[in-house]
Protein backbone atom coordinates (compact mmCIF):
# COMPACT_ATOMS: atom_id res chain seq x y z
CA MET A 1 0.03 -0.13 0.15
CA GLY A 2 2.89 2.38 0.79
CA ASP A 3 2.69 5.57 2.74
CA ARG A 4 1.12 8.12 0.24
CA ALA A 5 1.39 11.77 0.51
CA ASN A 6 0.72 14.75 -2.00
CA TYR A 7 2.74 17.69 -2.55
CA VAL A 8 2.03 20.85 -4.03
CA LEU A 9 4.32 23.79 -4.76
CA LEU A 10 3.13 27.62 -5.74
CA ASP A 11 6.51 28.94 -7.06
CA GLY A 12 7.86 32.50 -7.04
CA ALA A 13 5.89 33.50 -10.38
CA GLY A 14 2.72 31.78 -8.59
CA ALA A 15 2.54 28.97 -10.95
CA VAL A 16 1.13 25.55 -9.42
CA HIS A 17 3.22 22.56 -9.67
CA GLY A 18 1.39 19.30 -8.57
CA PRO A 19 -0.31 17.80 -7.06
CA TYR A 20 2.61 15.40 -6.84
CA VAL A 21 2.34 11.79 -5.25
CA ASP A 22 5.19 10.09 -3.13
CA LYS A 23 3.99 6.67 -2.29
CA TYR A 24 6.52 6.27 0.48
CA SER A 25 7.13 9.53 2.31
CA ALA A 26 3.84 10.16 4.54
CA ILE A 27 5.62 8.59 7.42
CA GLY A 28 8.37 11.32 8.48
CA LEU A 29 6.74 13.87 6.51
CA ASP A 30 6.97 16.33 9.50
CA LEU A 31 10.51 15.59 10.03
CA ALA A 32 11.49 16.37 6.54
CA LEU A 33 10.14 19.55 6.83
CA LEU A 34 12.39 20.25 9.53
CA ALA A 35 15.03 20.81 6.60
CA GLY A 36 13.54 23.99 5.89
CA PRO A 37 12.03 25.90 2.82
CA ALA A 38 14.70 25.55 0.15
CA ARG A 39 15.31 21.74 0.73
CA THR A 40 11.64 21.16 0.92
CA VAL A 41 11.23 22.93 -2.45
CA GLU A 42 13.85 20.93 -3.93
CA ARG A 43 12.27 17.62 -2.79
CA ILE A 44 8.97 18.55 -4.29
CA ARG A 45 10.70 19.61 -7.65
CA ALA A 46 12.20 16.06 -7.52
CA LEU A 47 8.44 14.38 -7.77
CA GLY A 48 7.71 16.42 -10.63
CA PRO A 49 8.23 15.81 -14.48
CA GLY A 50 11.72 15.05 -15.24
CA GLY A 51 12.17 14.29 -11.55
CA HIS A 52 14.01 11.11 -10.75
CA ARG A 53 11.40 10.18 -8.02
CA GLN A 54 8.09 10.83 -9.93
CA HIS A 55 5.35 8.66 -8.77
CA GLY A 56 2.40 10.32 -10.51
CA GLN A 57 0.50 13.45 -10.54
CA TYR A 58 -3.10 13.17 -8.97
CA TRP A 59 -4.90 14.08 -5.90
CA LEU A 60 -5.34 11.49 -3.40
CA ASP A 61 -8.80 10.90 -1.51
CA ASP A 62 -9.56 10.91 2.07
CA VAL A 63 -9.02 7.33 2.39
CA PHE A 64 -5.47 7.02 1.00
CA CYS A 65 -3.88 10.38 1.51
CA GLN A 66 -1.86 9.84 4.82
CA GLY A 67 -0.26 13.24 4.63
CA ALA A 68 -0.03 16.34 2.54
CA VAL A 69 2.49 19.33 1.97
CA LEU A 70 1.59 22.77 0.14
CA VAL A 71 4.24 25.26 -0.40
CA ASP A 72 3.31 28.83 -1.14
CA GLN A 73 6.57 30.52 -1.80
CA PRO A 74 5.04 34.03 -2.86
CA CYS A 75 2.65 34.32 0.21
CA ARG A 76 5.17 32.07 2.63
CA VAL A 77 2.64 29.81 3.85
CA LEU A 78 3.11 26.07 4.58
CA LEU A 79 0.00 23.88 4.80
CA LEU A 80 0.69 20.40 6.03
CA PHE A 81 -1.05 17.27 7.77
CA ALA A 82 0.20 13.69 8.64
CA TRP A 83 -1.20 10.64 9.97
CA GLU A 84 2.16 9.43 11.76
CA GLY A 85 5.03 11.13 13.20
CA PRO A 86 6.10 13.53 16.09
CA SER A 87 3.59 15.92 15.18
CA THR A 88 0.89 13.41 16.08
CA ASP A 89 2.23 12.43 19.55
CA PRO A 90 1.02 14.44 22.27
CA ARG A 91 4.31 14.28 23.97
CA LEU A 92 6.17 15.85 20.81
CA ARG A 93 3.82 17.78 19.06
CA ALA A 94 4.38 21.23 20.60
CA ALA A 95 8.19 20.93 20.03
CA THR A 96 7.64 19.57 16.65
CA LEU A 97 5.60 22.65 15.71
CA GLU A 98 8.03 24.90 17.21
CA LEU A 99 10.99 23.45 15.63
CA LEU A 100 9.24 23.82 12.19
CA GLN A 101 8.37 27.45 12.93
CA GLU A 102 12.06 27.97 13.36
CA ALA A 103 13.05 26.11 10.33
CA TRP A 104 10.58 28.30 8.48
CA PRO A 105 10.98 31.75 9.75
CA GLY A 106 8.63 34.38 8.57
CA TRP A 107 6.34 31.59 7.25
CA GLU A 108 2.76 30.86 8.27
CA LEU A 109 2.41 27.24 9.41
CA ARG A 110 -1.23 25.74 8.85
CA TRP A 111 -2.20 22.31 9.84
CA CYS A 112 -4.82 20.97 7.48
CA HIS A 113 -7.55 19.55 9.82
CA ASP A 114 -9.60 18.58 6.92
CA GLY A 115 -6.59 16.86 5.11
CA ASN A 116 -6.34 17.40 1.28
CA ALA A 117 -9.57 19.17 1.20
CA ASP A 118 -7.86 22.04 2.79
CA LEU A 119 -5.17 22.06 0.07
CA ARG A 120 -7.78 22.27 -2.45
CA ARG A 121 -9.61 24.99 -0.89
CA TYR A 122 -6.41 27.03 -0.46
CA LEU A 123 -6.05 26.70 -4.41
CA GLY A 124 -9.68 27.68 -5.02
CA LEU A 125 -10.61 23.99 -5.79
CA ASP A 126 -13.59 21.95 -4.88
CA PRO A 127 -12.92 19.62 -1.75
CA GLU A 128 -15.63 17.17 -2.97
CA ALA A 129 -12.95 16.00 -5.47
CA VAL A 130 -11.00 14.16 -2.70
CA ARG A 131 -14.06 12.47 -1.05
CA ASP A 132 -14.45 8.83 -1.35
CA ARG A 133 -18.23 8.27 -1.17
CA SER A 134 -18.11 4.79 -2.36
CA LEU A 135 -16.56 3.08 1.03
CA PRO A 136 -18.97 3.08 4.19
CA PRO A 137 -17.17 4.58 7.33
CA VAL A 138 -15.11 2.51 9.42
CA THR A 139 -16.13 2.13 12.84
CA LEU A 140 -13.36 2.17 15.41
CA PRO A 141 -13.07 -0.91 17.45
CA VAL A 142 -13.60 -0.44 21.24
CA LEU A 143 -10.95 -1.74 23.37
CA THR A 144 -11.38 -4.37 25.97
CA GLU A 145 -10.15 -5.03 29.56
CA GLU A 146 -7.52 -7.31 28.12
CA TRP A 147 -5.89 -4.61 26.27
CA GLU A 148 -2.91 -3.27 27.95
CA VAL A 149 -2.71 0.30 27.83
CA ASP A 150 0.60 1.64 26.41
CA SER A 151 1.24 5.14 27.24
CA GLU A 152 4.04 5.09 25.02
CA GLU A 153 2.12 4.24 21.74
CA PRO A 154 -0.35 6.73 20.02
CA ALA A 155 -3.01 5.71 17.45
CA VAL A 156 -5.55 5.49 20.41
CA VAL A 157 -8.56 7.62 20.63
CA VAL A 158 -9.80 8.53 24.07
CA VAL A 159 -13.62 8.91 24.49
CA THR A 160 -14.91 10.37 28.10
CA VAL A 161 -18.59 9.95 28.96
CA GLY A 162 -19.82 12.54 31.69
CA THR A 163 -17.51 12.32 34.88
CA GLU A 164 -17.01 8.94 35.41
CA ARG A 165 -16.31 6.87 32.20
CA CYS A 166 -13.25 6.76 30.02
CA HIS A 167 -13.16 4.50 26.88
CA LEU A 168 -10.45 3.54 24.52
CA LEU A 169 -10.91 2.95 20.56
CA ALA A 170 -8.20 1.80 18.27
CA ASP A 171 -7.63 4.62 15.93
CA ILE A 172 -7.91 2.73 12.87
CA GLY A 173 -10.73 4.34 10.95
CA ASN A 174 -13.21 7.55 11.26
CA HIS A 175 -13.02 9.79 14.16
CA PRO A 176 -15.67 8.71 16.75
CA ALA A 177 -17.16 12.11 16.46
CA ALA A 178 -18.38 11.32 12.80
CA GLU A 179 -20.35 8.32 14.23
CA GLY A 180 -23.26 10.05 15.99
CA PRO A 181 -25.11 9.18 18.82
CA ALA A 182 -25.09 5.45 18.32
CA LEU A 183 -21.75 5.74 19.79
CA LEU A 184 -23.03 5.80 22.93
CA GLN A 185 -25.03 2.46 22.44
CA ARG A 186 -21.75 1.06 21.38
CA LEU A 187 -20.17 2.41 24.67
CA ASP A 188 -22.63 1.00 27.04
CA GLY A 189 -20.97 -1.81 29.01
CA ALA A 190 -17.63 -1.09 27.44
CA ALA A 191 -14.30 -1.62 29.23
CA ASP A 192 -13.71 1.61 31.61
CA PHE A 193 -10.17 2.81 31.53
CA SER A 194 -10.71 5.73 33.94
CA HIS A 195 -7.49 7.33 35.20
CA CYS A 196 -5.32 5.66 32.80
CA GLU A 197 -2.25 7.39 31.06
CA VAL A 198 -2.26 7.19 27.25
CA ALA A 199 -0.44 8.71 24.32
CA ALA A 200 -3.83 9.30 22.41
CA ASP A 201 -3.85 11.04 19.20
CA ALA A 202 -7.40 11.97 19.28
CA GLY A 203 -10.28 12.24 21.63
CA LEU A 204 -13.98 13.03 22.34
CA HIS A 205 -15.91 14.15 25.36
CA LEU A 206 -19.58 13.28 25.53
CA ASP A 207 -21.84 14.80 28.35
CA PRO A 208 -25.14 13.09 27.56
CA GLU A 209 -27.02 15.13 30.46
CA ARG A 210 -26.26 18.58 28.85
CA ARG A 211 -26.04 17.14 25.39
CA THR A 212 -22.76 18.44 24.72
CA LEU A 213 -19.38 16.98 23.00
CA GLY A 214 -16.04 18.42 22.06
CA TRP A 215 -13.52 16.58 19.96
CA TRP A 216 -9.99 17.10 18.80
CA THR A 217 -7.42 15.36 16.57
CA LEU A 218 -3.61 15.67 16.16
CA THR A 219 -4.13 13.97 12.52
CA ASN A 220 -7.24 15.07 10.56
CA LEU A 221 -11.01 14.62 10.25
CA PRO A 222 -12.38 14.56 6.77
CA GLU A 223 -15.40 16.92 6.46
CA PRO A 224 -15.27 18.14 10.25
CA GLU A 225 -18.23 20.56 9.15
CA ALA A 226 -20.29 17.50 8.79
CA VAL A 227 -19.96 16.34 12.59
CA PRO A 228 -22.80 18.47 14.05
CA PRO A 229 -25.41 17.56 11.74
CA ARG A 230 -24.69 14.02 13.00
CA TRP A 231 -25.56 14.94 16.41
CA PRO A 232 -28.84 16.55 16.42
CA GLY A 233 -29.89 18.22 19.34
CA TRP A 234 -26.31 18.32 20.52
CA THR A 235 -23.98 21.36 21.06
CA VAL A 236 -20.68 20.19 19.27
CA GLN A 237 -17.37 21.88 20.03
CA ARG A 238 -14.33 21.49 17.60
CA TRP A 239 -11.24 21.60 19.50
CA ASP A 240 -9.00 21.00 16.62
CA ASP A 241 -5.72 19.74 18.14
CA ASP A 242 -6.19 21.32 21.56
CA PHE A 243 -6.25 18.25 23.72
CA SER A 244 -6.32 20.61 26.72
CA CYS A 245 -9.94 21.26 26.33
CA HIS A 246 -10.50 17.67 26.75
CA LEU A 247 -8.48 17.18 29.85
CA ALA A 248 -10.36 20.23 31.12
CA ALA A 249 -13.74 18.81 30.46
CA ALA A 250 -12.91 15.32 32.00
CA PRO A 251 -10.75 15.88 34.71
CA GLY A 252 -8.92 13.11 36.15
CA LEU A 253 -10.52 10.57 33.81
CA PHE A 254 -7.23 10.16 31.82
CA THR A 255 -3.84 11.91 31.43
CA LEU A 256 -1.76 12.30 28.44
CA PRO A 257 2.03 11.38 29.04
CA GLU A 258 4.09 14.55 29.11
CA MET A 259 7.88 15.38 28.34
CA ASP A 260 10.27 17.95 29.19
CA PRO A 261 10.30 20.50 26.61
CA GLY A 262 14.16 20.41 26.17
CA ALA A 263 13.85 16.67 26.08
CA ALA A 264 11.02 16.85 23.46
CA ARG A 265 13.04 19.15 21.10
CA GLY A 266 16.04 16.62 21.36
CA ALA A 267 13.91 13.74 20.59
CA VAL A 268 12.48 15.36 17.50
CA LEU A 269 15.81 16.68 16.35
CA ARG A 270 17.45 12.95 16.58
CA ALA A 271 14.60 11.67 14.76
CA ALA A 272 14.67 14.28 11.89
CA GLU A 273 18.65 13.59 11.64
CA GLU A 274 17.90 9.89 11.24
CA TYR A 275 15.06 10.50 8.72
CA ASN A 276 17.21 12.83 6.60
CA ASP A 277 20.00 10.20 6.59
CA ARG A 278 17.66 7.48 5.29
CA TRP A 279 15.99 9.90 2.73
CA GLY A 280 19.28 10.80 1.30
CA LYS A 281 20.39 7.29 0.61
CA ARG A 282 17.26 6.41 -0.93
CA SER A 283 17.33 9.54 -3.31
C-alpha cells in the first residue's frame, strides 16, 4: 500500500506545480520539513515531471492520503498534515511545531484539519474531489479490558462520557465524532479505563445530560463540518488539536504523557537527523 502523500508547490511566479504523489513519504513527512523551505522545494521538484522520483500527479482521496504538504513561496505559507510522526504524538507535537516554525522563519504554518480538502480550498478548488463516497465509514473498535494500556504508543482515541467513564478505541478508521449518537450505545458496558495514562492522538468528550460534545485530533478528520448534523440536538465543540480542552472537560479521567520541553526538542531533532540520513540514501 505504501505511505502516500501529496505535495504541491506554488513557485515564485505563482505557478502551481502538482499535486505530486510520493508513495512512501507520509511517515516522517513532518521530520522532512524540518530541513526548511529550500530543501523542501528541492524535494517537491524532484517528484515532478523530469524528476527522478516521479510517482504520479493526481489528488489522493481522504481514504488513501496519509499526509500532504503545500508550499506557497510568494505568500510564504506552509500547509501540512500527517497521520504519523512526532507532530501526531501529544508528547512531541508542541516541540515539532515549534521547531518547524524555527526552520521556516517568516512563514505561516497551517495544519490541515480537513486533510487534502484544505489544500484544494487553498487553491480555490472543490474539496469534493477528494471525498470517497463509495466506501462505508470504518467504525473504530472499542478496546477491551484485556488490552494493555501503552502510554508510549499513540494511535488510540480516548472517549470520556460524563464525569465517570473513560473508554479507548483503536484509531484505525473514522474519528468517533463522525459516528453520531449510536456511539453511546456501543459504549454501554464497554471497558472503563478511567484514570489511565495513554498517548492518544485523538479524543472525544460526551456529556449526555447537557447534550454537549467536544472533539480533537492531532491528525485530521475529513469533513469536520459534517460532525454537528450527525448529532441533532447536541452542542458540538471543535477543539482542533487542543487536547487541553478535553483534559479540562474530563478532569481526572485520563492523562496524556508529558515530556520535558528540552527533551522533546532533542527527541524530534534526533528523529529528523535519522530520517534525513535515510532519505538521502534513498534519493
